């Protein structure tokens, strides 16, 4: 099972930006869909963004709450998935998890993102 390690979280003021990275222990070329989820304290984990590779085309989709502010991307050569987060809001505060949507799903350990008002 692929191992995933997230990095790039931290404390940022509202309106700021962060870039999360998810490094995989093996090639993600054959993993069609990679995703980012988040879990605010005391709440359920929710999908933030996912990216699906079909041939040479990447298809992305986002939660409504982050559309226009977050961008997911993948670099198969580096076995890494990214989440660029701009114009961050306090409600974006959560632990962010990377996931490889295979059977069974592989999860990273998470990285904390805290947005102060």
Protein backbone atom coordinates (compact mmCIF):
# COMPACT_ATOMS: atom_id res chain seq x y z
CA UNK A 1 0.00 0.00 0.00
CA UNK A 2 1.38 3.41 -0.96
CA UNK A 3 2.56 5.55 1.97
CA UNK A 4 1.70 9.26 1.90
CA UNK A 5 3.38 12.09 3.81
CA UNK A 6 1.88 15.58 3.90
CA UNK A 7 3.82 18.75 4.57
CA UNK A 8 3.41 22.49 4.28
CA UNK A 9 0.81 23.16 6.93
CA UNK A 10 1.12 25.91 9.50
CA UNK A 11 -0.33 29.08 10.94
CA UNK A 12 -1.33 31.85 8.56
CA UNK A 13 -3.42 35.01 8.75
CA UNK A 14 -6.71 35.29 6.91
CA UNK A 15 -6.08 36.21 3.29
CA UNK A 16 -2.76 34.42 3.24
CA UNK A 17 -1.58 31.41 1.27
CA UNK A 18 -0.12 27.99 1.91
CA UNK A 19 1.01 25.19 -0.36
CA UNK A 20 0.55 21.65 0.88
CA UNK A 21 2.58 18.78 -0.56
CA UNK A 22 1.88 15.08 -0.44
CA UNK A 23 4.85 12.83 -1.14
CA UNK A 24 4.15 9.22 -2.05
CA UNK A 25 6.46 6.31 -1.27
CA UNK A 26 6.04 4.87 -4.76
CA UNK A 27 4.93 5.89 -8.21
CA UNK A 28 1.51 7.51 -8.40
CA UNK A 29 1.41 7.21 -12.18
CA UNK A 30 -1.01 4.29 -11.98
CA UNK A 31 -3.16 5.85 -9.27
CA UNK A 32 -5.96 7.46 -11.23
CA UNK A 33 -7.37 9.68 -8.50
CA UNK A 34 -5.56 11.51 -5.73
CA UNK A 35 -7.38 13.79 -3.32
CA UNK A 36 -7.14 16.18 -0.43
CA UNK A 37 -9.56 15.97 2.49
CA UNK A 38 -9.80 18.04 5.64
CA UNK A 39 -11.21 17.53 9.10
CA UNK A 40 -11.99 20.51 11.33
CA UNK A 41 -11.83 19.83 15.03
CA UNK A 42 -14.95 18.01 16.17
CA UNK A 43 -16.32 17.64 12.66
CA UNK A 44 -16.38 14.98 9.97
CA UNK A 45 -13.72 14.63 7.34
CA UNK A 46 -14.72 16.27 4.06
CA UNK A 47 -13.45 16.20 0.50
CA UNK A 48 -11.64 19.38 -0.51
CA UNK A 49 -10.33 18.55 -3.98
CA UNK A 50 -9.46 15.61 -6.19
CA UNK A 51 -7.55 15.12 -9.37
CA UNK A 52 -8.11 12.28 -11.81
CA UNK A 53 -5.67 11.43 -14.57
CA UNK A 54 -7.07 9.87 -17.72
CA UNK A 55 -4.48 9.56 -20.40
CA UNK A 56 -2.69 12.88 -20.55
CA UNK A 57 -5.60 14.86 -19.17
CA UNK A 58 -6.15 15.75 -15.53
CA UNK A 59 -9.67 16.33 -14.33
CA UNK A 60 -10.18 18.28 -11.14
CA UNK A 61 -13.09 19.08 -8.93
CA UNK A 62 -13.46 21.04 -5.73
CA UNK A 63 -15.74 21.50 -2.79
CA UNK A 64 -17.91 24.58 -3.31
CA UNK A 65 -16.35 26.21 -0.26
CA UNK A 66 -12.88 26.30 -1.85
CA UNK A 67 -13.64 26.86 -5.53
CA UNK A 68 -11.66 29.75 -6.94
CA UNK A 69 -9.26 29.75 -3.97
CA UNK A 70 -7.64 26.29 -3.95
CA UNK A 71 -5.83 24.48 -6.75
CA UNK A 72 -4.92 20.80 -6.76
CA UNK A 73 -2.14 19.50 -8.99
CA UNK A 74 0.03 16.44 -9.36
CA UNK A 75 3.55 15.75 -10.55
CA UNK A 76 3.76 12.07 -11.37
CA UNK A 77 7.51 12.31 -12.02
CA UNK A 78 8.01 13.45 -8.42
CA UNK A 79 5.29 11.21 -6.97
CA UNK A 80 3.80 14.31 -5.38
CA UNK A 81 0.40 15.95 -5.17
CA UNK A 82 -0.02 19.60 -4.23
CA UNK A 83 -2.75 21.81 -2.86
CA UNK A 84 -2.23 25.52 -3.37
CA UNK A 85 -4.47 27.43 -0.99
CA UNK A 86 -5.00 31.15 -1.50
CA UNK A 87 -7.16 33.72 0.25
CA UNK A 88 -7.40 31.48 3.27
CA UNK A 89 -10.25 31.97 5.70
CA UNK A 90 -10.60 31.01 9.38
CA UNK A 91 -13.12 28.36 8.37
CA UNK A 92 -10.37 26.61 6.41
CA UNK A 93 -8.73 25.69 9.71
CA UNK A 94 -8.46 21.89 9.84
CA UNK A 95 -6.16 18.93 9.58
CA UNK A 96 -5.59 18.30 5.89
CA UNK A 97 -5.13 14.75 4.64
CA UNK A 98 -3.86 13.43 1.36
CA UNK A 99 -5.50 10.30 -0.03
CA UNK A 100 -4.84 7.85 -2.82
CA UNK A 101 -8.25 6.70 -3.95
CA UNK A 102 -7.47 3.05 -4.48
CA UNK A 103 -8.88 -0.06 -2.80
CA UNK A 104 -8.33 0.30 0.09
CA UNK A 105 -7.84 4.04 0.28
CA UNK A 106 -4.40 5.12 1.49
CA UNK A 107 -4.24 8.09 3.85
CA UNK A 108 -1.43 10.31 5.02
CA UNK A 109 -1.00 11.29 8.66
CA UNK A 110 -2.33 14.81 8.08
CA UNK A 111 -0.96 18.32 8.41
CA UNK A 112 -2.50 21.08 10.52
CA UNK A 113 -3.60 24.30 8.85
CA UNK A 114 -4.64 27.13 11.15
CA UNK A 115 -5.99 30.40 9.78
CA UNK A 116 -6.22 33.29 12.22
CA UNK A 117 -8.68 36.14 11.78
